[in-house]
Amino acid sequence: MRILGKKPEHTHIVIQEIAEEDWGFCGLLTDDWKKQQNSESPTVSNQ
């Protein structure tokens, strides 16, 4: 009510669940973006 300036009885909320694999980020599907980030990260060795 405070943010929208509307009465609560005039406000509707819709929740739509989206599978994680259907999200995208930076023009890529999230899974592809994660793979890209992992391949760009330097590997830490245990020497």
PDB file of N, CA and C in Angstrom:
ATOM      1  N   MET A   1       0.818  -1.169   0.000  1.00  0.00           N
ATOM      2  CA  MET A   1       0.000   0.000   0.000  1.00  0.00           C
ATOM      3  C   MET A   1       0.875   1.249   0.000  1.00  0.00           C
ATOM      4  N   ARG A   2       1.907   1.242   0.791  1.00  0.00           N
ATOM      5  CA  ARG A   2       2.797   2.399   0.901  1.00  0.00           C
ATOM      6  C   ARG A   2       3.569   2.614  -0.402  1.00  0.00           C
ATOM      7  N   ILE A   3       4.074   1.564  -0.998  1.00  0.00           N
ATOM      8  CA  ILE A   3       4.897   1.682  -2.208  1.00  0.00           C
ATOM      9  C   ILE A   3       4.043   1.991  -3.437  1.00  0.00           C
ATOM     10  N   LEU A   4       2.970   1.239  -3.639  1.00  0.00           N
ATOM     11  CA  LEU A   4       2.162   1.389  -4.842  1.00  0.00           C
ATOM     12  C   LEU A   4       1.114   2.497  -4.741  1.00  0.00           C
ATOM     13  N   GLY A   5       0.829   2.945  -3.512  1.00  0.00           N
ATOM     14  CA  GLY A   5      -0.201   3.961  -3.337  1.00  0.00           C
ATOM     15  C   GLY A   5      -1.593   3.429  -3.665  1.00  0.00           C
ATOM     16  N   LYS A   6      -1.782   2.115  -3.479  1.00  0.00           N
ATOM     17  CA  LYS A   6      -3.061   1.474  -3.790  1.00  0.00           C
ATOM     18  C   LYS A   6      -3.630   0.822  -2.540  1.00  0.00           C
ATOM     19  N   LYS A   7      -4.922   0.659  -2.551  1.00  0.00           N
ATOM     20  CA  LYS A   7      -5.575  -0.064  -1.466  1.00  0.00           C
ATOM     21  C   LYS A   7      -5.233  -1.546  -1.605  1.00  0.00           C
ATOM     22  N   PRO A   8      -5.047  -2.237  -0.484  1.00  0.00           N
ATOM     23  CA  PRO A   8      -4.725  -3.671  -0.563  1.00  0.00           C
ATOM     24  C   PRO A   8      -5.762  -4.480  -1.348  1.00  0.00           C
ATOM     25  N   GLU A   9      -7.014  -4.112  -1.274  1.00  0.00           N
ATOM     26  CA  GLU A   9      -8.046  -4.870  -1.999  1.00  0.00           C
ATOM     27  C   GLU A   9      -7.964  -4.670  -3.518  1.00  0.00           C
ATOM     28  N   HIS A  10      -7.160  -3.723  -3.966  1.00  0.00           N
ATOM     29  CA  HIS A  10      -6.956  -3.509  -5.399  1.00  0.00           C
ATOM     30  C   HIS A  10      -5.613  -4.049  -5.882  1.00  0.00           C
ATOM     31  N   THR A  11      -4.935  -4.781  -5.033  1.00  0.00           N
ATOM     32  CA  THR A  11      -3.615  -5.311  -5.361  1.00  0.00           C
ATOM     33  C   THR A  11      -3.689  -6.831  -5.494  1.00  0.00           C
ATOM     34  N   HIS A  12      -3.099  -7.347  -6.563  1.00  0.00           N
ATOM     35  CA  HIS A  12      -3.049  -8.791  -6.798  1.00  0.00           C
ATOM     36  C   HIS A  12      -1.595  -9.198  -6.927  1.00  0.00           C
ATOM     37  N   ILE A  13      -1.272 -10.342  -6.388  1.00  0.00           N
ATOM     38  CA  ILE A  13       0.086 -10.873  -6.476  1.00  0.00           C
ATOM     39  C   ILE A  13       0.022 -12.221  -7.178  1.00  0.00           C
ATOM     40  N   VAL A  14       0.866 -12.387  -8.191  1.00  0.00           N
ATOM     41  CA  VAL A  14       0.944 -13.643  -8.930  1.00  0.00           C
ATOM     42  C   VAL A  14       2.362 -14.178  -8.762  1.00  0.00           C
ATOM     43  N   ILE A  15       2.464 -15.430  -8.338  1.00  0.00           N
ATOM     44  CA  ILE A  15       3.773 -16.080  -8.188  1.00  0.00           C
ATOM     45  C   ILE A  15       3.864 -17.163  -9.256  1.00  0.00           C
ATOM     46  N   GLN A  16       4.869 -17.043 -10.089  1.00  0.00           N
ATOM     47  CA  GLN A  16       5.090 -18.033 -11.138  1.00  0.00           C
ATOM     48  C   GLN A  16       6.466 -18.642 -10.915  1.00  0.00           C
ATOM     49  N   GLU A  17       6.492 -19.937 -10.656  1.00  0.00           N
ATOM     50  CA  GLU A  17       7.772 -20.605 -10.443  1.00  0.00           C
ATOM     51  C   GLU A  17       8.397 -20.946 -11.789  1.00  0.00           C
ATOM     52  N   ILE A  18       9.679 -20.650 -11.904  1.00  0.00           N
ATOM     53  CA  ILE A  18      10.421 -20.922 -13.132  1.00  0.00           C
ATOM     54  C   ILE A  18      11.594 -21.832 -12.770  1.00  0.00           C
ATOM     55  N   ALA A  19      11.724 -22.910 -13.505  1.00  0.00           N
ATOM     56  CA  ALA A  19      12.813 -23.858 -13.245  1.00  0.00           C
ATOM     57  C   ALA A  19      14.156 -23.161 -13.404  1.00  0.00           C
ATOM     58  N   GLU A  20      15.117 -23.519 -12.557  1.00  0.00           N
ATOM     59  CA  GLU A  20      16.433 -22.870 -12.568  1.00  0.00           C
ATOM     60  C   GLU A  20      17.086 -22.932 -13.945  1.00  0.00           C
ATOM     61  N   GLU A  21      16.915 -24.050 -14.651  1.00  0.00           N
ATOM     62  CA  GLU A  21      17.558 -24.186 -15.958  1.00  0.00           C
ATOM     63  C   GLU A  21      16.911 -23.299 -17.025  1.00  0.00           C
ATOM     64  N   ASP A  22      15.776 -22.689 -16.720  1.00  0.00           N
ATOM     65  CA  ASP A  22      15.098 -21.794 -17.666  1.00  0.00           C
ATOM     66  C   ASP A  22      15.421 -20.320 -17.431  1.00  0.00           C
ATOM     67  N   TRP A  23      16.239 -20.012 -16.436  1.00  0.00           N
ATOM     68  CA  TRP A  23      16.670 -18.633 -16.189  1.00  0.00           C
ATOM     69  C   TRP A  23      17.835 -18.303 -17.095  1.00  0.00           C
ATOM     70  N   GLY A  24      18.019 -17.028 -17.367  1.00  0.00           N
ATOM     71  CA  GLY A  24      19.149 -16.589 -18.169  1.00  0.00           C
ATOM     72  C   GLY A  24      19.853 -15.426 -17.507  1.00  0.00           C
ATOM     73  N   PHE A  25      21.095 -15.194 -17.920  1.00  0.00           N
ATOM     74  CA  PHE A  25      21.897 -14.099 -17.378  1.00  0.00           C
ATOM     75  C   PHE A  25      22.924 -13.719 -18.426  1.00  0.00           C
ATOM     76  N   CYS A  26      23.055 -12.451 -18.726  1.00  0.00           N
ATOM     77  CA  CYS A  26      24.039 -11.953 -19.702  1.00  0.00           C
ATOM     78  C   CYS A  26      23.878 -12.610 -21.076  1.00  0.00           C
ATOM     79  N   GLY A  27      22.640 -12.858 -21.483  1.00  0.00           N
ATOM     80  CA  GLY A  27      22.388 -13.432 -22.797  1.00  0.00           C
ATOM     81  C   GLY A  27      22.599 -14.931 -22.897  1.00  0.00           C
ATOM     82  N   LEU A  28      22.851 -15.586 -21.785  1.00  0.00           N
ATOM     83  CA  LEU A  28      23.064 -17.035 -21.772  1.00  0.00           C
ATOM     84  C   LEU A  28      22.106 -17.685 -20.794  1.00  0.00           C
ATOM     85  N   LEU A  29      21.770 -18.956 -21.041  1.00  0.00           N
ATOM     86  CA  LEU A  29      21.062 -19.701 -20.016  1.00  0.00           C
ATOM     87  C   LEU A  29      21.963 -19.778 -18.786  1.00  0.00           C
ATOM     88  N   THR A  30      21.375 -19.803 -17.618  1.00  0.00           N
ATOM     89  CA  THR A  30      22.154 -19.779 -16.382  1.00  0.00           C
ATOM     90  C   THR A  30      23.185 -20.908 -16.337  1.00  0.00           C
ATOM     91  N   ASP A  31      22.794 -22.122 -16.748  1.00  0.00           N
ATOM     92  CA  ASP A  31      23.738 -23.248 -16.740  1.00  0.00           C
ATOM     93  C   ASP A  31      24.946 -22.961 -17.640  1.00  0.00           C
ATOM     94  N   ASP A  32      24.697 -22.384 -18.822  1.00  0.00           N
ATOM     95  CA  ASP A  32      25.796 -22.068 -19.738  1.00  0.00           C
ATOM     96  C   ASP A  32      26.671 -20.959 -19.169  1.00  0.00           C
ATOM     97  N   TRP A  33      26.047 -19.966 -18.518  1.00  0.00           N
ATOM     98  CA  TRP A  33      26.800 -18.870 -17.906  1.00  0.00           C
ATOM     99  C   TRP A  33      27.699 -19.403 -16.783  1.00  0.00           C
ATOM    100  N   LYS A  34      27.168 -20.321 -15.955  1.00  0.00           N
ATOM    101  CA  LYS A  34      27.960 -20.915 -14.871  1.00  0.00           C
ATOM    102  C   LYS A  34      29.156 -21.681 -15.432  1.00  0.00           C
ATOM    103  N   LYS A  35      28.923 -22.440 -16.517  1.00  0.00           N
ATOM    104  CA  LYS A  35      30.027 -23.188 -17.138  1.00  0.00           C
ATOM    105  C   LYS A  35      31.102 -22.233 -17.645  1.00  0.00           C
ATOM    106  N   GLN A  36      30.676 -21.128 -18.246  1.00  0.00           N
ATOM    107  CA  GLN A  36      31.617 -20.134 -18.757  1.00  0.00           C
ATOM    108  C   GLN A  36      32.418 -19.518 -17.615  1.00  0.00           C
ATOM    109  N   GLN A  37      31.764 -19.208 -16.507  1.00  0.00           N
ATOM    110  CA  GLN A  37      32.446 -18.619 -15.363  1.00  0.00           C
ATOM    111  C   GLN A  37      33.459 -19.599 -14.776  1.00  0.00           C
ATOM    112  N   ASN A  38      33.083 -20.869 -14.701  1.00  0.00           N
ATOM    113  CA  ASN A  38      33.997 -21.882 -14.159  1.00  0.00           C
ATOM    114  C   ASN A  38      35.212 -22.078 -15.057  1.00  0.00           C
ATOM    115  N   SER A  39      35.020 -21.996 -16.366  1.00  0.00           N
ATOM    116  CA  SER A  39      36.157 -22.197 -17.282  1.00  0.00           C
ATOM    117  C   SER A  39      37.090 -20.986 -17.287  1.00  0.00           C
ATOM    118  N   GLU A  40      36.590 -19.811 -16.904  1.00  0.00           N
ATOM    119  CA  GLU A  40      37.420 -18.601 -16.848  1.00  0.00           C
ATOM    120  C   GLU A  40      38.123 -18.430 -15.516  1.00  0.00           C
ATOM    121  N   SER A  41      37.662 -19.160 -14.484  1.00  0.00           N
ATOM    122  CA  SER A  41      38.261 -19.022 -13.150  1.00  0.00           C
ATOM    123  C   SER A  41      39.614 -19.721 -13.109  1.00  0.00           C
ATOM    124  N   PRO A  42      40.602 -19.101 -12.479  1.00  0.00           N
ATOM    125  CA  PRO A  42      41.902 -19.777 -12.346  1.00  0.00           C
ATOM    126  C   PRO A  42      41.782 -20.988 -11.422  1.00  0.00           C
ATOM    127  N   THR A  43      42.474 -22.032 -11.768  1.00  0.00           N
ATOM    128  CA  THR A  43      42.446 -23.249 -10.973  1.00  0.00           C
ATOM    129  C   THR A  43      43.436 -23.123  -9.823  1.00  0.00           C
ATOM    130  N   VAL A  44      43.004 -23.534  -8.640  1.00  0.00           N
ATOM    131  CA  VAL A  44      43.873 -23.488  -7.460  1.00  0.00           C
ATOM    132  C   VAL A  44      44.505 -24.868  -7.301  1.00  0.00           C
ATOM    133  N   SER A  45      45.824 -24.909  -7.202  1.00  0.00           N
ATOM    134  CA  SER A  45      46.494 -26.200  -7.026  1.00  0.00           C
ATOM    135  C   SER A  45      46.813 -26.411  -5.546  1.00  0.00           C
ATOM    136  N   ASN A  46      46.946 -27.675  -5.173  1.00  0.00           N
ATOM    137  CA  ASN A  46      47.234 -28.039  -3.782  1.00  0.00           C
ATOM    138  C   ASN A  46      48.702 -28.416  -3.617  1.00  0.00           C
ATOM    139  N   GLN A  47      49.616 -27.599  -4.087  1.00  0.00           N
ATOM    140  CA  GLN A  47      51.040 -27.927  -3.989  1.00  0.00           C
ATOM    141  C   GLN A  47      51.629 -27.371  -2.736  1.00  0.00           C
TER     142      GLN A  47
END
